[in-house]
Every structure is written in structure tokens, then in C-alpha cells.
């Protein structure tokens, strides 16, 4: 979600300027830290994504806990994550992918941006990427990547032909339902 578009929309409707202080880095942790440390003056808004919730479980040394330290005001958009792969990969479903990876170590590779990771998926340098469905739909439709599953309790309206992970990998079901 583009914070600048939201700021413009809010400014037009509320007749007040909204300033965007974009702080990229560390998977959104730099900006989250700054926003959460800001004084509770009623004027600071923090536009978060699922990344902050995920980061909360990846990093044990964050200076904040997202659930404890923020107060949600509004939901601006909803998107599920998509498991996308290079089309040359033989696996056509997430169970086939999991079966093909049995015995092979998977390594999390932190990228500076989702776009750089995507370039490696498209080129075949990386096998799989989990990213938002909003970023994925045009690439899936064009055949640049193949969607194996969506990571939500229900199928995505934007990708109704793509099954959920819970449909094909039953142990995932409980965890996905808890997250949505």
C-alpha cells in the first residue's frame, strides 16, 4: 500500500496536510521502530503491512511488539500472501513442491526489496517466494511466475483458480485460520 496515496486522500478529505516519513530498511523494522517510538500525540499514523506481524515472529530482539505497542485505527486493504515460483519449476502444486524439496535444506534469503527477490524468481536463481497477492496477480496472469497456493483461509477473489495451502496441506489449516 502506498503511504503517499493514502496521505493525499486523507489530506483532500480532512483538509489538513499529511506528511509521509518513509523509513525503509530491515524489512520494515526501521520505520516501525521510529513510528512506535513517536510521541502518542494523536497525529502520528503508522501504515503497516503483514510484514510487521511476520517480523515480530522472526526477530526476537525487536525494540517493540507489534500487537502490544500499536492501536489499530482502520483497515485500508486486505491481501493474502501467494506462494509463487518460476514457471520452469516442475512442481505444479504446493504438495508437489514440498515433496520435491524433501531432503533439501531451504534457506531464507533476506533481500533488500521484494522486487529484487522477484527478479531472482523470474530468472530461476531462487525457487520460491511468498509475497502479497496484489503484487503477484499481473505476473501470474502474464506467465512470468506460477502461483502454487495462497496463504489464507479462503481462496483469493483475485486468484480464484489458485488453491489455499490449507486445501492441500491439512496441517497448515489451523495455523492459517489463526492468522486470518
Foldseek 3Di string as FASTA:
>chain_A
DDPVVVQVVCCVVVVDHDDDDDDADDQCLVVVVVQLPDDPPVRGDDDDDCSLVVVLVVDPPRPDRVVPRDDDDDDDDDWWKWKKAAPVDPDQAPVSVVVVCVPPDDDDDDDSDPVVVLVCRLVVVDGIDIDTPVVCLVCCVVNSIPTRATLALADDPSCNVHHHVCVPPVVSNVVRDVVD
